[in-house]
Protein backbone atom coordinates (compact mmCIF):
# COMPACT_ATOMS: atom_id res chain seq x y z
CA MET A 1 -187.27 -54.65 -46.84
CA SER A 2 -184.44 -52.00 -47.33
CA ILE A 3 -185.14 -48.28 -46.59
CA PHE A 4 -183.75 -47.70 -50.09
CA GLU A 5 -185.39 -50.18 -52.16
CA THR A 6 -187.84 -48.38 -54.68
CA LYS A 7 -190.98 -49.60 -56.94
CA PHE A 8 -187.71 -50.47 -60.17
CA LEU A 9 -184.65 -51.47 -57.67
CA ARG A 10 -185.02 -54.29 -55.30
CA PHE A 11 -182.49 -55.69 -53.59
CA LYS A 12 -181.97 -59.64 -52.37
CA GLU A 13 -180.76 -59.23 -49.14
CA ASP A 14 -180.98 -56.13 -46.82
CA TYR A 15 -177.73 -55.57 -46.25
CA LEU A 16 -176.84 -55.30 -50.24
CA SER A 17 -178.66 -52.05 -50.33
CA ASP A 18 -175.83 -50.10 -47.70
CA GLN A 19 -173.09 -51.75 -50.04
CA PHE A 20 -174.83 -50.19 -52.80
CA ILE A 21 -175.31 -46.85 -51.72
CA SER A 22 -172.03 -46.33 -49.64
CA LEU A 23 -169.42 -44.36 -50.81
CA GLN A 24 -166.85 -47.20 -51.59
CA THR A 25 -169.59 -48.12 -54.71
CA HIS A 26 -168.83 -46.04 -57.79
CA PRO A 27 -171.57 -43.35 -58.30
CA ALA A 28 -171.33 -43.63 -61.44
CA LEU A 29 -172.28 -47.30 -61.26
CA VAL A 30 -175.04 -46.02 -58.62
CA GLY A 31 -176.09 -44.17 -61.77
CA LEU A 32 -176.28 -46.54 -64.27
CA VAL A 33 -178.12 -49.20 -62.07
CA PHE A 34 -180.64 -46.56 -60.96
CA SER A 35 -181.40 -45.05 -64.52
CA LEU A 36 -181.57 -49.05 -65.55
CA GLY A 37 -183.59 -50.11 -62.72
CA LEU A 38 -185.95 -47.39 -64.22
CA TRP A 39 -186.17 -48.43 -67.00
CA PHE A 40 -186.68 -51.79 -66.85
CA PHE A 41 -189.77 -51.11 -64.76
CA THR A 42 -191.18 -48.65 -66.67
CA LYS A 43 -190.70 -51.28 -70.17
CA PHE A 44 -191.22 -54.57 -68.42
CA LYS A 45 -193.15 -53.85 -65.29
CA LYS A 46 -190.90 -55.47 -62.59
CA PRO A 47 -187.68 -54.31 -60.60
CA LEU A 48 -184.21 -55.31 -60.83
CA ILE A 49 -183.84 -57.33 -58.49
CA ILE A 50 -179.66 -56.59 -57.01
CA THR A 51 -178.35 -60.02 -55.54
CA ALA A 52 -174.46 -59.06 -55.14
CA VAL A 53 -172.37 -55.80 -54.57
CA TRP A 54 -169.20 -55.93 -53.05
CA ARG A 55 -166.90 -59.13 -52.80
CA THR A 56 -164.44 -59.74 -50.21
CA LYS A 57 -161.07 -61.67 -51.48
CA ALA A 58 -162.01 -64.53 -49.33
CA GLU A 59 -164.69 -65.09 -50.91
CA GLN A 60 -163.46 -64.90 -54.41
CA GLN A 61 -161.20 -67.33 -53.17
CA LYS A 62 -163.81 -69.33 -52.24
CA LEU A 63 -165.91 -68.90 -55.53
CA TYR A 64 -162.96 -69.99 -57.72
CA GLY A 65 -161.73 -72.35 -55.53
CA THR A 66 -158.15 -70.79 -55.96
CA GLN A 67 -155.68 -68.58 -53.40
CA ASN A 68 -154.71 -66.24 -56.45
CA PRO A 69 -158.05 -65.81 -58.03
CA PRO A 70 -158.92 -63.43 -60.78
CA GLU A 71 -159.13 -59.65 -59.56
CA SER A 72 -162.87 -58.16 -59.23
CA PRO A 73 -164.59 -55.30 -60.07
CA HIS A 74 -166.56 -55.96 -56.78
CA TYR A 75 -163.78 -55.44 -54.70
CA CYS A 76 -163.82 -52.34 -53.28
CA ASN A 77 -159.69 -50.85 -54.30
CA PRO A 78 -160.57 -48.46 -53.90
CA ARG A 79 -164.31 -48.68 -54.91
CA CYS A 80 -166.69 -51.35 -56.07
CA ARG A 81 -167.39 -50.95 -59.93
CA ALA A 82 -169.84 -54.01 -60.20
CA VAL A 83 -172.97 -54.92 -58.95
CA ASP A 84 -174.86 -58.27 -60.79
CA VAL A 85 -178.69 -58.78 -61.02
CA ARG A 86 -180.95 -61.57 -60.66
CA VAL A 87 -182.39 -62.51 -64.65
CA ARG A 88 -184.17 -66.28 -63.45
CA ASP A 89 -187.66 -64.15 -64.09
CA TRP A 90 -186.29 -62.63 -67.44
CA SER A 91 -187.31 -63.73 -70.61
CA GLU A 92 -185.04 -64.34 -73.79
CA ASP A 93 -186.30 -61.22 -75.10
CA GLU A 94 -185.91 -59.42 -71.66
CA GLU A 95 -182.21 -59.74 -71.55
CA LEU A 96 -181.44 -59.24 -75.26
CA ALA A 97 -182.92 -55.67 -75.00
CA THR A 98 -181.47 -55.21 -71.02
CA ILE A 99 -177.93 -55.80 -72.31
CA GLY A 100 -178.63 -54.28 -75.43
CA TRP A 101 -180.03 -51.13 -73.86
CA ILE A 102 -176.84 -50.90 -71.48
CA GLN A 103 -174.44 -51.35 -73.84
CA PHE A 104 -175.89 -48.24 -75.81
CA HIS A 105 -176.06 -46.07 -73.37
CA PHE A 106 -173.30 -46.92 -71.11
CA PRO A 107 -170.19 -48.05 -73.75
CA ARG A 108 -167.05 -48.73 -72.60
CA ASP A 109 -163.96 -47.78 -74.87
CA ASP A 110 -161.75 -50.70 -73.92
CA ASP A 111 -162.92 -53.61 -75.93
CA LYS A 112 -165.39 -54.65 -72.56
CA LYS A 113 -168.50 -54.69 -72.28
CA THR A 114 -170.28 -52.94 -69.30
CA ALA A 115 -173.24 -56.21 -68.75
CA PHE A 116 -173.29 -59.88 -70.23
CA ILE A 117 -175.15 -62.62 -68.51
CA HIS A 118 -173.16 -65.75 -67.50
CA GLY A 119 -173.32 -68.42 -65.10
CA ASP A 120 -175.69 -71.33 -64.95
CA GLY A 121 -178.80 -72.25 -63.08
CA ASP A 122 -179.36 -70.53 -59.80
CA SER A 123 -176.16 -68.50 -60.55
CA ARG A 124 -177.05 -67.05 -63.97
CA HIS A 125 -176.92 -63.22 -63.65
CA CYS A 126 -175.98 -60.23 -65.29
CA HIS A 127 -173.02 -58.60 -64.54
CA ILE A 128 -172.23 -54.60 -64.89
CA GLN A 129 -169.49 -53.16 -64.54
CA TYR A 130 -168.12 -49.72 -64.74
CA PRO A 131 -164.85 -49.24 -65.92
CA SER A 132 -161.63 -47.91 -63.72
CA LYS A 133 -160.22 -45.86 -65.63
CA ASN A 134 -163.68 -43.38 -67.02
CA GLY A 135 -163.94 -40.67 -64.05
CA TYR A 136 -162.83 -40.08 -60.82
CA ASP A 137 -161.79 -43.30 -58.55
CA GLY A 138 -159.77 -42.38 -55.91
CA GLU A 139 -161.04 -40.83 -52.03
CA ASP A 140 -163.76 -38.16 -51.83
CA THR A 141 -162.38 -34.65 -50.41
């Protein structure tokens, strides 16, 4: 069990909690996911489970099967701006309520969604992303 795990926020693997609380993960994303976890636990009585934070270019290439994969908000460039959350234990109502809550409280102004659910079978997950143009995205001083 990770030292950062709470009643409402868990991690598929221990190393993910280190990535999540790292200065390389955008602080607004951490705040968004922390708030979501608290809301989700209060409403549905179960924790969010984070299944992915950072992704390297090699991992992205393997995932897409190409040498030139699309850019990913999971890259730390300079900061990671996305996490994936497990949905296999969620009902359709929980999925709709969660996406609605995120879109309402953390809307984007660039015609993209802050969160969406995609994938099939065991790879189905909720992808949550913070836009790079909102807020400071550079080095800490």
